[in-house]
Amino acid sequence: MCIESTSTLFLWNPSTRKSKKLPSPNLPPAHVGLYGFGLGYDASIDDYKVVLMLKDWRSIGIALEVKIYTLRTDSWRRIGDFPHGRPYYRLRPGVFFNGALPIRPGVYFNGALHWKSDTSGLIVSLDLAKETYGEFLKPEYQDG
């Protein structure tokens, strides 16, 4: 599990009851407007990765910066910005990290994290081994 507390991130394994404080991803203080996390496993290197997405309100455009933390190297690095605007987010009172609004966490499936795009009719995936984005249309469904 990836747990956030104020501006500190932790990985926690509930089965072993062990936790690890992650190094700072060097967030711009008090200027992040949106943020989101995802946790997944990269089988190609037998390691876990945390994906952090953030949007600085001072920057122009709607692109979200994306950083990846790798457990084995204990470090963050930046990859390409999130395509198609931003992932879906919902305003929830009192839920903030570093003064920012949360994006729904990525859903891990088949080696990739997945997010519903807020600005297009797509599901955007991030392959954790290749660290590349993919996309596909949301399935059609009827309410009720």
N, C-alpha and C. Protein backbone atom coordinates (compact mmCIF):
# COMPACT_ATOMS: atom_id res chain seq x y z
N MET A 1 0.84 -1.18 0.00
CA MET A 1 0.00 0.00 0.00
C MET A 1 0.88 1.24 0.00
N CYS A 2 0.41 2.27 -0.67
CA CYS A 2 1.08 3.56 -0.65
C CYS A 2 0.22 4.48 0.21
N ILE A 3 0.81 5.03 1.27
CA ILE A 3 0.09 5.87 2.21
C ILE A 3 0.73 7.25 2.22
N GLU A 4 -0.11 8.27 2.27
CA GLU A 4 0.37 9.64 2.31
C GLU A 4 0.02 10.27 3.64
N SER A 5 0.90 11.13 4.12
CA SER A 5 0.66 11.85 5.36
C SER A 5 1.28 13.23 5.22
N THR A 6 0.44 14.24 5.15
CA THR A 6 0.87 15.63 4.90
C THR A 6 1.67 15.67 3.62
N SER A 7 3.01 15.74 3.68
CA SER A 7 3.79 15.74 2.44
C SER A 7 4.81 14.60 2.45
N THR A 8 4.54 13.55 3.22
CA THR A 8 5.42 12.39 3.31
C THR A 8 4.69 11.16 2.76
N LEU A 9 5.43 10.35 2.03
CA LEU A 9 4.87 9.13 1.44
C LEU A 9 5.49 7.90 2.09
N PHE A 10 4.66 6.86 2.28
CA PHE A 10 5.12 5.62 2.87
C PHE A 10 4.62 4.45 2.03
N LEU A 11 5.41 3.39 1.99
CA LEU A 11 4.94 2.09 1.51
C LEU A 11 4.71 1.25 2.76
N TRP A 12 3.59 0.53 2.80
CA TRP A 12 3.28 -0.29 3.95
C TRP A 12 2.79 -1.65 3.49
N ASN A 13 3.38 -2.69 4.04
CA ASN A 13 2.95 -4.05 3.75
C ASN A 13 2.16 -4.55 4.96
N PRO A 14 0.83 -4.62 4.86
CA PRO A 14 0.04 -5.02 6.02
C PRO A 14 0.28 -6.46 6.48
N SER A 15 0.72 -7.34 5.59
CA SER A 15 0.95 -8.73 6.00
C SER A 15 2.22 -8.87 6.84
N THR A 16 3.24 -8.04 6.59
CA THR A 16 4.46 -8.10 7.38
C THR A 16 4.51 -7.00 8.44
N ARG A 17 3.58 -6.05 8.33
CA ARG A 17 3.52 -4.89 9.23
C ARG A 17 4.78 -4.03 9.14
N LYS A 18 5.45 -4.07 8.00
CA LYS A 18 6.64 -3.25 7.78
C LYS A 18 6.27 -2.07 6.90
N SER A 19 6.93 -0.95 7.18
CA SER A 19 6.70 0.24 6.36
C SER A 19 8.04 0.84 5.97
N LYS A 20 7.99 1.66 4.93
CA LYS A 20 9.19 2.34 4.44
C LYS A 20 8.81 3.76 4.07
N LYS A 21 9.51 4.72 4.65
CA LYS A 21 9.32 6.12 4.27
C LYS A 21 10.04 6.34 2.95
N LEU A 22 9.33 6.91 1.97
CA LEU A 22 9.94 7.16 0.67
C LEU A 22 10.68 8.48 0.67
N PRO A 23 11.75 8.58 -0.13
CA PRO A 23 12.43 9.87 -0.24
C PRO A 23 11.49 10.91 -0.86
N SER A 24 11.77 12.15 -0.61
CA SER A 24 10.93 13.22 -1.14
C SER A 24 10.97 13.23 -2.66
N PRO A 25 9.80 13.35 -3.31
CA PRO A 25 9.79 13.48 -4.77
C PRO A 25 10.03 14.91 -5.23
N ASN A 26 10.45 15.79 -4.30
CA ASN A 26 10.72 17.20 -4.60
C ASN A 26 9.51 17.90 -5.20
N LEU A 27 8.43 17.91 -4.44
CA LEU A 27 7.22 18.61 -4.87
C LEU A 27 7.41 20.11 -4.73
N PRO A 28 6.85 20.89 -5.65
CA PRO A 28 6.90 22.35 -5.49
C PRO A 28 6.02 22.73 -4.30
N PRO A 29 6.57 23.38 -3.28
CA PRO A 29 5.79 23.63 -2.05
C PRO A 29 4.56 24.49 -2.30
N ALA A 30 3.43 23.99 -1.82
CA ALA A 30 2.16 24.73 -1.79
C ALA A 30 1.67 25.20 -3.15
N HIS A 31 2.19 24.67 -4.23
CA HIS A 31 1.72 25.09 -5.55
C HIS A 31 1.14 23.94 -6.36
N VAL A 32 1.14 22.75 -5.79
CA VAL A 32 0.55 21.61 -6.49
C VAL A 32 -0.96 21.70 -6.35
N GLY A 33 -1.66 21.65 -7.47
CA GLY A 33 -3.11 21.76 -7.43
C GLY A 33 -3.81 20.42 -7.47
N LEU A 34 -3.26 19.46 -8.22
CA LEU A 34 -3.80 18.10 -8.31
C LEU A 34 -2.66 17.12 -8.10
N TYR A 35 -2.96 15.99 -7.49
CA TYR A 35 -1.95 14.95 -7.33
C TYR A 35 -2.63 13.59 -7.38
N GLY A 36 -1.86 12.58 -7.73
CA GLY A 36 -2.38 11.23 -7.72
C GLY A 36 -1.25 10.23 -7.61
N PHE A 37 -1.57 9.04 -7.07
CA PHE A 37 -0.59 7.99 -6.89
C PHE A 37 -1.08 6.70 -7.49
N GLY A 38 -0.16 5.82 -7.76
CA GLY A 38 -0.48 4.47 -8.15
C GLY A 38 0.66 3.57 -7.70
N LEU A 39 0.36 2.35 -7.34
CA LEU A 39 1.37 1.39 -6.91
C LEU A 39 1.19 0.13 -7.72
N GLY A 40 2.29 -0.40 -8.25
CA GLY A 40 2.21 -1.62 -9.03
C GLY A 40 3.52 -2.38 -9.02
N TYR A 41 3.49 -3.56 -9.60
CA TYR A 41 4.63 -4.47 -9.63
C TYR A 41 5.16 -4.57 -11.05
N ASP A 42 6.48 -4.43 -11.21
CA ASP A 42 7.14 -4.58 -12.50
C ASP A 42 7.83 -5.94 -12.51
N ALA A 43 7.20 -6.93 -13.13
CA ALA A 43 7.73 -8.30 -13.14
C ALA A 43 9.04 -8.41 -13.90
N SER A 44 9.29 -7.50 -14.85
CA SER A 44 10.51 -7.59 -15.66
C SER A 44 11.77 -7.36 -14.83
N ILE A 45 11.65 -6.65 -13.71
CA ILE A 45 12.80 -6.42 -12.83
C ILE A 45 12.52 -6.88 -11.40
N ASP A 46 11.39 -7.56 -11.19
CA ASP A 46 11.00 -8.06 -9.87
C ASP A 46 11.06 -6.95 -8.82
N ASP A 47 10.33 -5.87 -9.09
CA ASP A 47 10.37 -4.71 -8.20
C ASP A 47 9.03 -3.97 -8.22
N TYR A 48 8.79 -3.23 -7.16
CA TYR A 48 7.59 -2.41 -7.05
C TYR A 48 7.89 -0.98 -7.45
N LYS A 49 6.87 -0.32 -8.03
CA LYS A 49 7.01 1.07 -8.44
C LYS A 49 5.82 1.87 -7.94
N VAL A 50 6.10 3.11 -7.56
CA VAL A 50 5.06 4.07 -7.20
C VAL A 50 5.05 5.13 -8.29
N VAL A 51 3.87 5.45 -8.79
CA VAL A 51 3.72 6.49 -9.80
C VAL A 51 3.06 7.69 -9.14
N LEU A 52 3.66 8.85 -9.32
CA LEU A 52 3.14 10.11 -8.77
C LEU A 52 2.81 11.03 -9.93
N MET A 53 1.59 11.56 -9.94
CA MET A 53 1.20 12.56 -10.93
C MET A 53 0.89 13.85 -10.19
N LEU A 54 1.33 14.97 -10.74
CA LEU A 54 1.03 16.24 -10.09
C LEU A 54 0.89 17.35 -11.10
N LYS A 55 0.10 18.32 -10.74
CA LYS A 55 -0.16 19.50 -11.57
C LYS A 55 0.12 20.73 -10.73
N ASP A 56 1.06 21.53 -11.16
CA ASP A 56 1.37 22.80 -10.50
C ASP A 56 0.42 23.85 -11.07
N TRP A 57 -0.38 24.47 -10.23
CA TRP A 57 -1.35 25.47 -10.70
C TRP A 57 -0.68 26.63 -11.43
N ARG A 58 0.59 26.88 -11.15
CA ARG A 58 1.28 28.01 -11.79
C ARG A 58 1.65 27.72 -13.24
N SER A 59 1.69 26.43 -13.63
CA SER A 59 2.11 26.10 -14.98
C SER A 59 0.94 26.28 -15.96
N ILE A 60 1.29 26.54 -17.20
CA ILE A 60 0.30 26.75 -18.26
C ILE A 60 -0.09 25.40 -18.84
N GLY A 61 -1.35 25.25 -19.23
CA GLY A 61 -1.83 24.01 -19.83
C GLY A 61 -2.41 23.08 -18.79
N ILE A 62 -2.81 21.88 -19.26
CA ILE A 62 -3.45 20.94 -18.35
C ILE A 62 -2.61 19.69 -18.11
N ALA A 63 -1.39 19.64 -18.67
CA ALA A 63 -0.56 18.44 -18.54
C ALA A 63 -0.16 18.19 -17.09
N LEU A 64 -0.13 16.92 -16.71
CA LEU A 64 0.34 16.51 -15.39
C LEU A 64 1.73 15.92 -15.52
N GLU A 65 2.62 16.36 -14.64
CA GLU A 65 3.96 15.81 -14.56
C GLU A 65 3.87 14.43 -13.91
N VAL A 66 4.66 13.47 -14.38
CA VAL A 66 4.62 12.11 -13.84
C VAL A 66 6.03 11.72 -13.40
N LYS A 67 6.12 11.21 -12.16
CA LYS A 67 7.38 10.71 -11.61
C LYS A 67 7.18 9.26 -11.18
N ILE A 68 8.25 8.47 -11.30
CA ILE A 68 8.20 7.07 -10.88
C ILE A 68 9.27 6.83 -9.82
N TYR A 69 8.84 6.17 -8.74
CA TYR A 69 9.75 5.73 -7.69
C TYR A 69 9.93 4.22 -7.84
N THR A 70 11.18 3.77 -7.80
CA THR A 70 11.48 2.35 -7.87
C THR A 70 12.05 1.91 -6.52
N LEU A 71 11.45 0.89 -5.93
CA LEU A 71 11.86 0.43 -4.60
C LEU A 71 13.33 0.03 -4.57
N ARG A 72 13.78 -0.69 -5.58
CA ARG A 72 15.16 -1.18 -5.59
C ARG A 72 16.19 -0.05 -5.60
N THR A 73 15.95 1.00 -6.36
CA THR A 73 16.91 2.11 -6.42
C THR A 73 16.63 3.17 -5.37
N ASP A 74 15.46 3.10 -4.72
CA ASP A 74 15.05 4.06 -3.69
C ASP A 74 15.15 5.50 -4.21
N SER A 75 14.69 5.70 -5.44
CA SER A 75 14.78 7.05 -6.02
C SER A 75 13.61 7.33 -6.96
N TRP A 76 13.36 8.62 -7.18
CA TRP A 76 12.33 9.11 -8.10
C TRP A 76 12.99 9.59 -9.38
N ARG A 77 12.28 9.47 -10.48
CA ARG A 77 12.71 10.10 -11.74
C ARG A 77 11.47 10.48 -12.53
N ARG A 78 11.63 11.49 -13.34
CA ARG A 78 10.50 11.98 -14.12
C ARG A 78 10.41 11.24 -15.44
N ILE A 79 9.16 10.94 -15.86
CA ILE A 79 8.94 10.36 -17.19
C ILE A 79 8.02 11.32 -17.94
N GLY A 80 7.54 10.92 -19.11
CA GLY A 80 6.68 11.79 -19.92
C GLY A 80 5.39 12.18 -19.21
N ASP A 81 4.88 13.36 -19.52
CA ASP A 81 3.64 13.85 -18.92
C ASP A 81 2.47 12.93 -19.25
N PHE A 82 1.45 12.96 -18.39
CA PHE A 82 0.24 12.17 -18.59
C PHE A 82 -0.46 12.65 -19.85
N PRO A 83 -0.76 11.74 -20.79
CA PRO A 83 -1.44 12.16 -22.03
C PRO A 83 -2.93 12.39 -21.79
N HIS A 84 -3.55 13.09 -22.67
CA HIS A 84 -5.01 13.31 -22.65
C HIS A 84 -5.47 14.07 -21.42
N GLY A 85 -4.82 15.15 -21.13
CA GLY A 85 -5.29 16.01 -20.04
C GLY A 85 -4.94 15.48 -18.68
N ARG A 86 -5.95 15.04 -17.95
CA ARG A 86 -5.71 14.57 -16.57
C ARG A 86 -6.63 13.40 -16.28
N PRO A 87 -6.25 12.59 -15.29
CA PRO A 87 -7.16 11.52 -14.86
C PRO A 87 -8.37 12.10 -14.16
N TYR A 88 -9.41 11.32 -14.10
CA TYR A 88 -10.64 11.73 -13.43
C TYR A 88 -10.36 12.00 -11.96
N TYR A 89 -10.93 13.07 -11.44
CA TYR A 89 -10.81 13.33 -10.00
C TYR A 89 -12.15 13.83 -9.49
N ARG A 90 -12.35 13.64 -8.21
CA ARG A 90 -13.59 14.07 -7.58
C ARG A 90 -13.22 14.87 -6.34
N LEU A 91 -13.86 16.02 -6.19
CA LEU A 91 -13.59 16.84 -5.01
C LEU A 91 -14.16 16.15 -3.78
N ARG A 92 -13.30 15.96 -2.80
CA ARG A 92 -13.72 15.37 -1.52
C ARG A 92 -13.27 16.30 -0.42
N PRO A 93 -14.18 16.82 0.39
CA PRO A 93 -13.80 17.78 1.41
C PRO A 93 -12.80 17.20 2.40
N GLY A 94 -11.80 18.00 2.71
CA GLY A 94 -10.83 17.63 3.73
C GLY A 94 -9.78 16.62 3.31
N VAL A 95 -9.73 16.23 2.03
CA VAL A 95 -8.74 15.26 1.59
C VAL A 95 -7.71 15.98 0.73
N PHE A 96 -6.55 16.22 1.32
CA PHE A 96 -5.49 16.95 0.63
C PHE A 96 -4.15 16.29 0.90
N PHE A 97 -3.20 16.51 0.03
CA PHE A 97 -1.81 16.11 0.24
C PHE A 97 -0.97 17.29 -0.21
N ASN A 98 -0.15 17.80 0.67
CA ASN A 98 0.68 18.95 0.34
C ASN A 98 -0.18 20.11 -0.18
N GLY A 99 -1.41 20.24 0.34
CA GLY A 99 -2.30 21.32 -0.05
C GLY A 99 -2.99 21.13 -1.38
N ALA A 100 -3.00 19.91 -1.92
CA ALA A 100 -3.53 19.68 -3.26
C ALA A 100 -4.75 18.77 -3.24
N LEU A 101 -5.52 18.80 -4.33
CA LEU A 101 -6.69 17.94 -4.49
C LEU A 101 -6.27 16.58 -5.05
N PRO A 102 -6.90 15.49 -4.59
CA PRO A 102 -6.48 14.16 -5.03
C PRO A 102 -7.12 13.70 -6.34
N ILE A 103 -6.33 12.99 -7.12
CA ILE A 103 -6.80 12.27 -8.31
C ILE A 103 -7.05 10.84 -7.85
N ARG A 104 -8.06 10.20 -8.40
CA ARG A 104 -8.30 8.80 -8.02
C ARG A 104 -7.06 7.96 -8.33
N PRO A 105 -6.73 7.00 -7.44
CA PRO A 105 -5.52 6.20 -7.66
C PRO A 105 -5.64 5.34 -8.91
N GLY A 106 -4.48 5.07 -9.53
CA GLY A 106 -4.47 4.18 -10.68
C GLY A 106 -4.85 2.77 -10.27
N VAL A 107 -5.50 2.05 -11.17
CA VAL A 107 -5.89 0.66 -10.92
C VAL A 107 -4.86 -0.24 -11.59
N TYR A 108 -4.23 -1.11 -10.79
CA TYR A 108 -3.19 -1.99 -11.31
C TYR A 108 -3.82 -3.26 -11.88
N PHE A 109 -3.45 -3.58 -13.12
CA PHE A 109 -3.93 -4.79 -13.78
C PHE A 109 -2.97 -5.17 -14.88
N ASN A 110 -2.55 -6.43 -14.90
CA ASN A 110 -1.75 -6.97 -16.00
C ASN A 110 -0.49 -6.15 -16.28
N GLY A 111 0.23 -5.77 -15.23
CA GLY A 111 1.51 -5.08 -15.39
C GLY A 111 1.42 -3.60 -15.67
N ALA A 112 0.22 -3.02 -15.59
CA ALA A 112 0.06 -1.59 -15.89
C ALA A 112 -0.91 -0.95 -14.90
N LEU A 113 -0.74 0.35 -14.72
CA LEU A 113 -1.70 1.15 -13.97
C LEU A 113 -2.64 1.80 -14.97
N HIS A 114 -3.92 1.93 -14.60
CA HIS A 114 -4.95 2.46 -15.50
C HIS A 114 -5.72 3.59 -14.83
N TRP A 115 -6.01 4.64 -15.62
CA TRP A 115 -6.81 5.76 -15.15
C TRP A 115 -7.85 6.11 -16.20
N LYS A 116 -9.00 6.54 -15.76
CA LYS A 116 -10.02 7.09 -16.65
C LYS A 116 -9.64 8.55 -16.89
N SER A 117 -9.56 8.94 -18.16
CA SER A 117 -9.24 10.32 -18.49
C SER A 117 -10.44 11.22 -18.21
N ASP A 118 -10.17 12.38 -17.65
CA ASP A 118 -11.23 13.34 -17.33
C ASP A 118 -11.60 14.19 -18.54
N THR A 119 -10.73 14.23 -19.54
CA THR A 119 -10.95 15.14 -20.66
C THR A 119 -11.20 14.43 -21.99
N SER A 120 -11.25 13.10 -21.98
CA SER A 120 -11.55 12.36 -23.21
C SER A 120 -12.28 11.08 -22.82
N GLY A 121 -12.78 10.37 -23.80
CA GLY A 121 -13.50 9.13 -23.52
C GLY A 121 -12.58 7.93 -23.47
N LEU A 122 -11.40 8.07 -22.90
CA LEU A 122 -10.40 7.01 -22.94
C LEU A 122 -10.01 6.52 -21.55
N ILE A 123 -9.50 5.29 -21.51
CA ILE A 123 -8.77 4.77 -20.36
C ILE A 123 -7.29 4.86 -20.76
N VAL A 124 -6.49 5.48 -19.91
CA VAL A 124 -5.06 5.62 -20.17
C VAL A 124 -4.31 4.65 -19.26
N SER A 125 -3.38 3.89 -19.84
CA SER A 125 -2.60 2.94 -19.06
C SER A 125 -1.13 3.35 -19.07
N LEU A 126 -0.42 2.95 -18.04
CA LEU A 126 1.03 3.14 -17.97
C LEU A 126 1.65 1.77 -17.71
N ASP A 127 2.32 1.23 -18.73
CA ASP A 127 3.01 -0.05 -18.61
C ASP A 127 4.21 0.15 -17.70
N LEU A 128 4.26 -0.56 -16.57
CA LEU A 128 5.32 -0.32 -15.60
C LEU A 128 6.68 -0.85 -16.03
N ALA A 129 6.73 -1.85 -16.91
CA ALA A 129 8.00 -2.36 -17.39
C ALA A 129 8.61 -1.43 -18.44
N LYS A 130 7.79 -1.03 -19.42
CA LYS A 130 8.28 -0.18 -20.51
C LYS A 130 8.21 1.30 -20.18
N GLU A 131 7.40 1.63 -19.16
CA GLU A 131 7.15 3.02 -18.77
C GLU A 131 6.66 3.85 -19.95
N THR A 132 5.71 3.25 -20.67
CA THR A 132 5.07 3.91 -21.80
C THR A 132 3.56 3.91 -21.58
N TYR A 133 2.91 4.90 -22.19
CA TYR A 133 1.46 5.04 -22.07
C TYR A 133 0.76 4.31 -23.20
N GLY A 134 -0.43 3.83 -22.90
CA GLY A 134 -1.32 3.24 -23.88
C GLY A 134 -2.70 3.83 -23.66
N GLU A 135 -3.61 3.54 -24.55
CA GLU A 135 -4.97 4.07 -24.40
C GLU A 135 -5.96 3.15 -25.09
N PHE A 136 -7.17 3.14 -24.57
CA PHE A 136 -8.26 2.41 -25.22
C PHE A 136 -9.57 3.05 -24.80
N LEU A 137 -10.61 2.82 -25.61
CA LEU A 137 -11.92 3.40 -25.33
C LEU A 137 -12.54 2.75 -24.11
N LYS A 138 -13.30 3.55 -23.36
CA LYS A 138 -14.06 3.00 -22.24
C LYS A 138 -15.12 2.06 -22.80
N PRO A 139 -15.44 0.98 -22.08
CA PRO A 139 -16.51 0.10 -22.56
C PRO A 139 -17.86 0.80 -22.52
N GLU A 140 -18.73 0.42 -23.44
CA GLU A 140 -20.08 0.98 -23.43
C GLU A 140 -20.89 0.28 -22.35
N TYR A 141 -21.72 1.04 -21.68
CA TYR A 141 -22.56 0.47 -20.63
C TYR A 141 -23.80 1.32 -20.47
N GLN A 142 -24.80 0.75 -19.81
CA GLN A 142 -26.03 1.48 -19.51
C GLN A 142 -26.18 1.58 -18.01
N ASP A 143 -26.63 2.73 -17.54
CA ASP A 143 -26.88 2.90 -16.11
C ASP A 143 -28.04 2.02 -15.69
N GLY A 144 -27.94 1.51 -14.47
CA GLY A 144 -29.05 0.73 -13.91
C GLY A 144 -28.86 -0.66 -14.08
